[in-house]
Amino acid sequence: MLNKLVIPANTKFEEKNIITNGDVIIGPNSKVDYGIVGKRIIVCERSSIGGSIFGEEVSLDPRCSIGGDVVSEGDAVIGEFVNIEGKLTVYGDLEIGRNVRIKKGFEARGLITIQDPLNIIMFIFIYILILLRLGRLEEVSNLLEDENFESSLLVPGHSQIDLEKIDTSKNIEIVASRTLGNVRGRDVQIKDSQVYGSVRGSIILIEGSKVYGAVEGKKVYLVKGSEVHGHIKANEVFIEENCSVEENIIAKHGVWIKDKIELPLEGDNGVGQGEI
């Protein structure tokens, strides 16, 4: 689930907040120097959020740090040793651990339970493990089908997002969104998006998108009218004829310009969807 950094459709990077229509999962030991606005928001252990959190449901694992307010329209789960620099407002039930620091106080409309909540990822793992031991395979299948992560903002562990960069050791997928900052990942796929910053990775696929910065990788694919407002530097560059590059193209092994470019299959390289 968190083996790729995913920025789903209609996500907007604003000056202070990342706004998305779906759920948000921030992996452990990650740093996001924005506030977050979404549906269900899960922040895993030892991660930090630079601004406020606004969600329909909010879960903060132990030892997280939040730089602003936390507002949950429904229930909220706050792990032990969480630090909230603003105010905590919960319109549903609140389950809160010990040694939680809330600088500006809290308000909860529903039931308040004081205990140390289980790490959310660990809870899901244990729950599935119990179902498997009981032989209830159909329930496990239904559970995984019900959890739709296709429209979720997913940030793997040990990643960093701020005004200057989107940085992870995993693959990156950006779909129909507007992002700020230089993009750094393993393989990078950008589709129908605007990226205000450079892009660096191994295999880079830019499809129907505009990149306002340089693109550097081992293999770069530019298709479906994409624009690069900077240079491209790679071993191999593949460009469809209706695409444009504002500056130089430097390719050690060559540049291929065709009407249609065959893209790498996802199973082979982690990007692309076959021939277009």
Protein backbone atom coordinates (compact mmCIF):
# COMPACT_ATOMS: atom_id res chain seq x y z
CA MET A 1 0.00 0.00 0.00
CA LEU A 2 2.83 2.43 0.82
CA ASN A 3 5.35 1.18 -1.75
CA LYS A 4 4.72 4.22 -3.96
CA LEU A 5 4.16 7.94 -3.42
CA VAL A 6 0.80 8.71 -5.04
CA ILE A 7 -0.67 12.16 -5.62
CA PRO A 8 -4.21 11.42 -6.87
CA ALA A 9 -6.44 13.38 -9.23
CA ASN A 10 -7.57 16.88 -8.24
CA THR A 11 -4.93 17.33 -5.55
CA LYS A 12 -3.78 20.93 -5.13
CA PHE A 13 -0.59 22.19 -3.53
CA GLU A 14 -1.33 25.62 -2.09
CA GLU A 15 0.91 27.94 -0.10
CA LYS A 16 0.06 26.36 3.26
CA ASN A 17 -2.02 23.26 2.52
CA ILE A 18 -2.26 20.14 0.39
CA ILE A 19 -5.93 19.71 -0.52
CA THR A 20 -7.28 16.40 -1.82
CA ASN A 21 -10.73 14.87 -2.28
CA GLY A 22 -9.84 11.43 -0.93
CA ASP A 23 -8.10 9.78 2.00
CA VAL A 24 -4.56 10.57 3.10
CA ILE A 25 -1.99 8.14 4.53
CA ILE A 26 1.39 9.49 5.65
CA GLY A 27 3.93 6.72 6.26
CA PRO A 28 6.18 6.49 9.34
CA ASN A 29 9.12 8.86 9.87
CA SER A 30 7.97 11.20 7.10
CA LYS A 31 7.93 14.98 7.06
CA VAL A 32 5.24 17.06 5.33
CA ASP A 33 5.70 20.82 5.74
CA TYR A 34 2.10 21.60 4.73
CA GLY A 35 -1.28 21.38 6.33
CA ILE A 36 -3.52 18.58 5.01
CA VAL A 37 -7.18 18.73 3.98
CA GLY A 38 -8.85 15.42 3.07
CA LYS A 39 -11.35 12.74 4.11
CA ARG A 40 -9.83 10.08 6.37
CA ILE A 41 -6.36 11.22 7.39
CA ILE A 42 -3.87 8.75 8.89
CA VAL A 43 -0.45 9.91 10.06
CA CYS A 44 1.83 7.03 10.98
CA GLU A 45 4.33 6.85 13.81
CA ARG A 46 7.01 9.55 14.27
CA SER A 47 5.88 11.65 11.30
CA SER A 48 5.49 15.41 11.33
CA ILE A 49 2.96 17.70 9.64
CA GLY A 50 3.93 21.35 9.31
CA GLY A 51 0.43 22.84 9.34
CA SER A 52 -3.14 22.06 10.36
CA ILE A 53 -5.14 18.91 9.63
CA PHE A 54 -8.80 19.01 8.55
CA GLY A 55 -10.53 15.68 7.90
CA GLU A 56 -13.74 13.71 8.23
CA GLU A 57 -11.80 11.26 10.44
CA VAL A 58 -8.30 11.66 11.84
CA SER A 59 -5.86 9.10 13.23
CA LEU A 60 -2.45 10.12 14.60
CA ASP A 61 -0.05 7.35 15.57
CA PRO A 62 2.30 7.68 18.58
CA ARG A 63 4.99 10.37 18.62
CA CYS A 64 3.60 12.37 15.69
CA SER A 65 4.04 16.13 15.59
CA ILE A 66 1.42 18.51 14.17
CA GLY A 67 2.37 22.15 13.59
CA GLY A 68 -1.17 23.56 13.69
CA ASP A 69 -4.76 22.66 14.58
CA VAL A 70 -6.36 19.24 14.22
CA VAL A 71 -10.06 19.21 13.24
CA SER A 72 -12.05 16.00 12.76
CA GLU A 73 -15.67 16.17 11.61
CA GLY A 74 -16.13 12.61 12.90
CA ASP A 75 -14.10 10.42 15.26
CA ALA A 76 -10.42 10.87 16.06
CA VAL A 77 -7.69 8.61 17.44
CA ILE A 78 -4.64 10.27 19.00
CA GLY A 79 -1.70 8.07 20.03
CA GLU A 80 0.59 8.55 23.00
CA PHE A 81 3.29 11.24 22.98
CA VAL A 82 1.63 13.10 20.09
CA ASN A 83 2.40 16.83 20.01
CA ILE A 84 -0.21 19.27 18.61
CA GLU A 85 0.87 22.91 18.43
CA GLY A 86 -2.67 24.19 17.89
CA LYS A 87 -6.13 23.17 19.09
CA LEU A 88 -7.73 19.72 18.80
CA THR A 89 -11.42 19.80 17.78
CA VAL A 90 -13.36 16.54 17.42
CA TYR A 91 -17.05 16.48 16.49
CA GLY A 92 -17.35 12.73 17.14
CA ASP A 93 -15.73 10.38 19.66
CA LEU A 94 -12.14 10.87 20.79
CA GLU A 95 -9.76 8.07 21.72
CA ILE A 96 -6.59 9.59 23.12
CA GLY A 97 -3.39 8.14 24.54
CA ARG A 98 -1.31 9.22 27.49
CA ASN A 99 1.32 11.97 27.49
CA VAL A 100 -0.32 13.86 24.61
CA ARG A 101 0.59 17.54 24.42
CA ILE A 102 -2.03 19.92 22.98
CA LYS A 103 -0.82 23.50 23.18
CA LYS A 104 -4.17 25.30 22.73
CA GLY A 105 -6.50 22.79 24.38
CA PHE A 106 -9.12 20.46 22.95
CA GLU A 107 -12.86 20.11 22.41
CA ALA A 108 -14.73 16.84 21.79
CA ARG A 109 -18.48 16.56 21.23
CA GLY A 110 -18.67 12.78 21.69
CA LEU A 111 -17.31 10.14 24.06
CA ILE A 112 -13.73 10.60 25.31
CA THR A 113 -11.68 7.46 26.00
CA ILE A 114 -8.20 7.72 27.52
CA GLN A 115 -6.00 4.78 26.55
CA ASP A 116 -3.04 4.02 24.32
CA PRO A 117 -4.51 3.29 20.85
CA LEU A 118 -2.86 0.62 18.74
CA ASN A 119 -0.83 1.75 15.73
CA ILE A 120 -3.36 1.85 12.86
CA ILE A 121 -1.23 -0.15 10.41
CA MET A 122 -0.51 -2.75 13.09
CA PHE A 123 -4.23 -2.92 13.93
CA ILE A 124 -5.13 -3.67 10.29
CA PHE A 125 -2.39 -6.30 10.09
CA ILE A 126 -3.49 -8.07 13.29
CA TYR A 127 -7.15 -7.96 12.25
CA ILE A 128 -6.39 -9.56 8.87
CA LEU A 129 -4.12 -12.14 10.54
CA ILE A 130 -6.92 -13.17 12.93
CA LEU A 131 -9.38 -13.53 10.04
CA LEU A 132 -6.88 -15.70 8.15
CA ARG A 133 -6.32 -17.95 11.17
CA LEU A 134 -10.09 -18.38 11.49
CA GLY A 135 -10.27 -19.37 7.83
CA ARG A 136 -12.51 -16.42 6.94
CA LEU A 137 -10.87 -15.73 3.59
CA GLU A 138 -13.99 -14.19 2.06
CA GLU A 139 -14.09 -11.52 4.78
CA VAL A 140 -10.43 -10.68 4.15
CA SER A 141 -11.14 -10.36 0.41
CA ASN A 142 -14.16 -8.14 1.07
CA LEU A 143 -12.16 -5.97 3.47
CA LEU A 144 -9.42 -5.36 0.92
CA GLU A 145 -11.96 -4.65 -1.83
CA ASP A 146 -13.81 -2.15 0.36
CA GLU A 147 -10.63 -0.18 1.05
CA ASN A 148 -10.19 1.79 -2.16
CA PHE A 149 -6.78 3.44 -2.15
CA GLU A 150 -6.84 4.46 -5.83
CA SER A 151 -7.99 7.99 -5.00
CA SER A 152 -5.88 8.33 -1.84
CA LEU A 153 -2.86 10.52 -1.23
CA LEU A 154 -0.16 8.03 -0.20
CA VAL A 155 3.24 9.02 1.20
CA PRO A 156 5.67 6.15 1.94
CA GLY A 157 7.79 6.11 5.07
CA HIS A 158 10.92 8.29 5.26
CA SER A 159 9.62 10.69 2.58
CA GLN A 160 9.71 14.47 2.61
CA ILE A 161 7.33 17.01 1.07
CA ASP A 162 7.79 20.77 1.35
CA LEU A 163 7.74 23.90 -0.82
CA GLU A 164 11.08 22.96 -2.38
CA LYS A 165 10.75 19.22 -2.97
CA ILE A 166 8.75 16.01 -3.14
CA ASP A 167 11.37 13.44 -2.17
CA THR A 168 11.12 9.68 -1.65
CA SER A 169 13.15 6.52 -2.27
CA LYS A 170 10.05 4.88 -3.80
CA ASN A 171 8.28 5.32 -7.14
CA ILE A 172 6.14 8.43 -7.65
CA GLU A 173 2.80 8.75 -9.43
CA ILE A 174 1.17 12.15 -10.00
CA VAL A 175 -2.27 12.17 -11.66
CA ALA A 176 -4.34 15.19 -12.77
CA SER A 177 -2.91 17.47 -10.10
CA ARG A 178 -0.87 20.63 -9.58
CA THR A 179 2.28 20.25 -7.50
CA LEU A 180 4.99 22.56 -6.20
CA GLY A 181 8.62 21.64 -5.66
CA ASN A 182 11.27 19.48 -7.29
CA VAL A 183 10.20 15.85 -7.70
CA ARG A 184 12.73 13.19 -6.67
CA GLY A 185 11.99 9.46 -6.74
CA ARG A 186 12.92 6.09 -8.20
CA ASP A 187 10.61 5.86 -11.24
CA VAL A 188 8.31 8.83 -11.85
CA GLN A 189 5.00 8.88 -13.73
CA ILE A 190 3.26 12.23 -14.32
CA LYS A 191 -0.13 12.21 -16.06
CA ASP A 192 -2.38 15.17 -16.95
CA SER A 193 -0.65 17.36 -14.35
CA GLN A 194 1.28 20.57 -13.86
CA VAL A 195 4.58 20.27 -11.99
CA TYR A 196 6.24 23.50 -10.89
CA GLY A 197 9.74 22.18 -10.34
CA SER A 198 12.28 19.81 -11.83
CA VAL A 199 11.87 16.03 -12.08
CA ARG A 200 14.59 13.50 -11.35
CA GLY A 201 14.37 9.71 -11.32
CA SER A 202 15.38 6.55 -13.14
CA ILE A 203 12.55 5.99 -15.63
CA ILE A 204 10.41 9.10 -16.13
CA LEU A 205 7.10 9.11 -17.99
CA ILE A 206 5.44 12.48 -18.68
CA GLU A 207 2.01 12.09 -20.25
CA GLY A 208 -0.24 15.02 -21.18
CA SER A 209 1.53 17.21 -18.62
CA LYS A 210 3.55 20.39 -18.22
CA VAL A 211 6.80 20.45 -16.25
CA TYR A 212 8.22 23.87 -15.37
CA GLY A 213 11.78 22.74 -14.74
CA ALA A 214 14.46 20.32 -15.89
CA VAL A 215 13.93 16.57 -16.35
CA GLU A 216 16.81 14.19 -15.61
CA GLY A 217 16.82 10.39 -15.57
CA LYS A 218 18.08 7.23 -17.27
CA LYS A 219 15.10 6.96 -19.63
CA VAL A 220 12.64 9.79 -20.30
CA TYR A 221 9.33 9.39 -22.16
CA LEU A 222 7.43 12.49 -23.33
CA VAL A 223 3.98 11.75 -24.81
CA LYS A 224 0.48 13.14 -25.48
CA GLY A 225 1.40 16.78 -26.03
CA SER A 226 3.55 17.16 -22.93
CA GLU A 227 5.70 20.24 -22.42
CA VAL A 228 9.01 20.58 -20.59
CA HIS A 229 9.98 24.17 -19.81
CA GLY A 230 13.60 23.31 -19.14
CA HIS A 231 16.22 20.86 -20.39
CA ILE A 232 16.14 17.06 -20.58
CA LYS A 233 19.19 15.02 -19.64
CA ALA A 234 19.12 11.22 -19.86
CA ASN A 235 20.70 8.15 -21.41
CA GLU A 236 17.71 7.68 -23.73
CA VAL A 237 14.89 10.09 -24.60
CA PHE A 238 11.66 9.11 -26.36
CA ILE A 239 9.42 11.94 -27.61
CA GLU A 240 6.16 12.03 -29.53
CA GLU A 241 6.04 14.64 -32.29
CA ASN A 242 3.33 16.76 -30.65
CA CYS A 243 5.46 17.35 -27.52
CA SER A 244 7.83 20.24 -26.87
CA VAL A 245 11.05 20.89 -24.93
CA GLU A 246 12.03 24.50 -24.27
CA GLU A 247 15.77 23.97 -23.76
CA ASN A 248 18.44 21.44 -24.77
CA ILE A 249 18.01 17.67 -24.93
CA ILE A 250 21.13 15.79 -23.84
CA ALA A 251 20.91 12.02 -24.42
CA LYS A 252 23.98 9.78 -24.15
CA HIS A 253 22.50 6.93 -26.21
CA GLY A 254 20.17 8.86 -28.47
CA VAL A 255 16.82 10.62 -28.96
CA TRP A 256 13.83 8.93 -30.62
CA ILE A 257 11.05 11.15 -32.05
CA LYS A 258 7.98 9.31 -33.38
CA ASP A 259 4.25 9.72 -33.99
CA LYS A 260 3.55 7.13 -31.28
CA ILE A 261 5.86 5.96 -28.51
CA GLU A 262 5.55 2.50 -26.96
CA LEU A 263 5.72 2.90 -23.20
CA PRO A 264 7.31 0.45 -20.75
CA LEU A 265 4.86 -1.97 -19.14
CA GLU A 266 4.17 -1.44 -15.45
CA GLY A 267 5.28 -4.95 -14.55
CA ASP A 268 8.63 -4.37 -16.22
CA ASN A 269 9.61 -0.94 -14.97
CA GLY A 270 6.94 0.38 -12.63
CA VAL A 271 5.65 3.00 -15.05
CA GLY A 272 3.46 3.16 -18.13
CA GLN A 273 0.43 1.29 -19.34
CA GLY A 274 1.56 -0.22 -22.61
CA GLU A 275 1.26 1.29 -26.08
CA ILE A 276 -0.62 4.52 -26.69
